[in-house]
Amino acid sequence: FYNPSLGAMESHIISMHDQQIYIAALGKYFYFNQYEALHLESSFKFTEQEIKQLALNIGYKTQALFTDTKKHFIDALWQVQKS
C-alpha cells in the first residue's frame, strides 16, 4: 500500500494463523500471531536529479542512468569520487 507520510510504497505479509518459524542460520525462533503483519520493504521513488544529488551527498558520482521507455523505474550506476 502507499504510505503518504513516507512518500513510499510498503510491502507486508500477513500471518494467516498463529505460528512459530525457526531460522537455522540464526538459531532463533520467531513467533507470529494470526493476522500479524510483517513489514518487508519500503519502495521510495526519486527523480533523476534527486538520484544524482543522493550520490553526491555520500561521495559518489552518477556514471549512468538506465530507465525503461516509460521511465517507470531507474537503475543508477555510481562511482566513488576520488579525493
Protein backbone atom coordinates (compact mmCIF):
# COMPACT_ATOMS: atom_id res chain seq x y z
CA PHE A 1 0.00 0.00 0.00
CA TYR A 2 1.04 3.63 -0.47
CA ASN A 3 2.11 5.43 2.70
CA PRO A 4 1.69 9.16 2.00
CA SER A 5 3.52 10.23 5.16
CA LEU A 6 6.65 8.40 3.92
CA GLY A 7 6.05 9.00 0.23
CA ALA A 8 6.67 5.30 -0.35
CA MET A 9 5.01 2.03 -1.26
CA GLU A 10 5.16 -0.55 1.53
CA SER A 11 5.07 -4.33 1.22
CA HIS A 12 3.74 -6.50 4.06
CA ILE A 13 2.91 -10.15 4.55
CA ILE A 14 0.18 -11.29 6.95
CA SER A 15 0.36 -14.41 9.11
CA MET A 16 -2.75 -16.44 8.39
CA HIS A 17 -2.58 -18.24 11.76
CA ASP A 18 -0.57 -18.34 14.99
CA GLN A 19 2.80 -19.84 14.16
CA GLN A 20 6.45 -20.07 15.01
CA ILE A 21 9.23 -20.01 12.43
CA TYR A 22 12.74 -21.29 13.02
CA ILE A 23 15.65 -19.81 11.06
CA ALA A 24 18.53 -22.24 11.37
CA ALA A 25 21.18 -19.77 10.20
CA LEU A 26 20.28 -17.55 13.15
CA GLY A 27 19.48 -20.37 15.56
CA LYS A 28 16.36 -18.46 16.53
CA TYR A 29 12.58 -18.89 16.64
CA PHE A 30 10.17 -16.13 15.64
CA TYR A 31 6.54 -16.12 16.78
CA PHE A 32 3.69 -14.60 14.81
CA ASN A 33 0.08 -14.15 15.85
CA GLN A 34 -2.80 -14.68 13.44
CA TYR A 35 -3.21 -11.58 11.22
CA GLU A 36 0.09 -10.12 12.42
CA ALA A 37 1.70 -8.03 9.68
CA LEU A 38 5.38 -8.20 8.86
CA HIS A 39 6.82 -5.18 7.04
CA LEU A 40 9.11 -6.36 4.24
CA GLU A 41 10.18 -3.20 2.44
CA SER A 42 9.55 0.43 1.60
CA SER A 43 9.97 1.49 -2.01
CA PHE A 44 10.84 5.15 -2.39
CA LYS A 45 10.63 7.00 -5.70
CA PHE A 46 13.18 9.61 -6.74
CA THR A 47 13.59 11.92 -9.72
CA GLU A 48 16.76 11.79 -11.82
CA GLN A 49 18.02 14.94 -10.13
CA GLU A 50 17.32 13.53 -6.65
CA ILE A 51 19.25 10.36 -7.53
CA LYS A 52 22.23 12.40 -8.72
CA GLN A 53 22.12 14.54 -5.57
CA LEU A 54 21.91 11.49 -3.29
CA ALA A 55 25.04 10.14 -4.96
CA LEU A 56 26.92 13.41 -4.46
CA ASN A 57 25.82 13.65 -0.82
CA ILE A 58 27.55 10.36 0.00
CA GLY A 59 30.67 10.77 -2.12
CA TYR A 60 29.64 9.14 -5.40
CA LYS A 61 29.26 10.44 -8.95
CA THR A 62 26.46 9.23 -11.22
CA GLN A 63 28.03 7.50 -14.23
CA ALA A 64 24.80 6.50 -15.98
CA LEU A 65 21.05 6.23 -15.50
CA PHE A 66 19.17 3.34 -17.12
CA THR A 67 15.40 3.51 -17.49
CA ASP A 68 12.53 1.77 -19.24
CA THR A 69 10.83 3.51 -22.18
CA LYS A 70 8.06 4.87 -19.94
CA LYS A 71 10.52 6.00 -17.24
CA HIS A 72 8.68 4.00 -14.57
CA PHE A 73 11.98 3.00 -12.98
CA ILE A 74 15.64 4.00 -13.00
CA ASP A 75 18.73 1.94 -12.23
CA ALA A 76 21.69 4.16 -11.38
CA LEU A 77 25.37 3.37 -11.86
CA TRP A 78 27.50 5.25 -9.33
CA GLN A 79 31.26 5.51 -8.96
CA VAL A 80 33.19 6.55 -5.87
CA GLN A 81 34.56 10.06 -6.31
CA LYS A 82 38.31 10.23 -5.90
CA SER A 83 39.53 12.60 -3.21
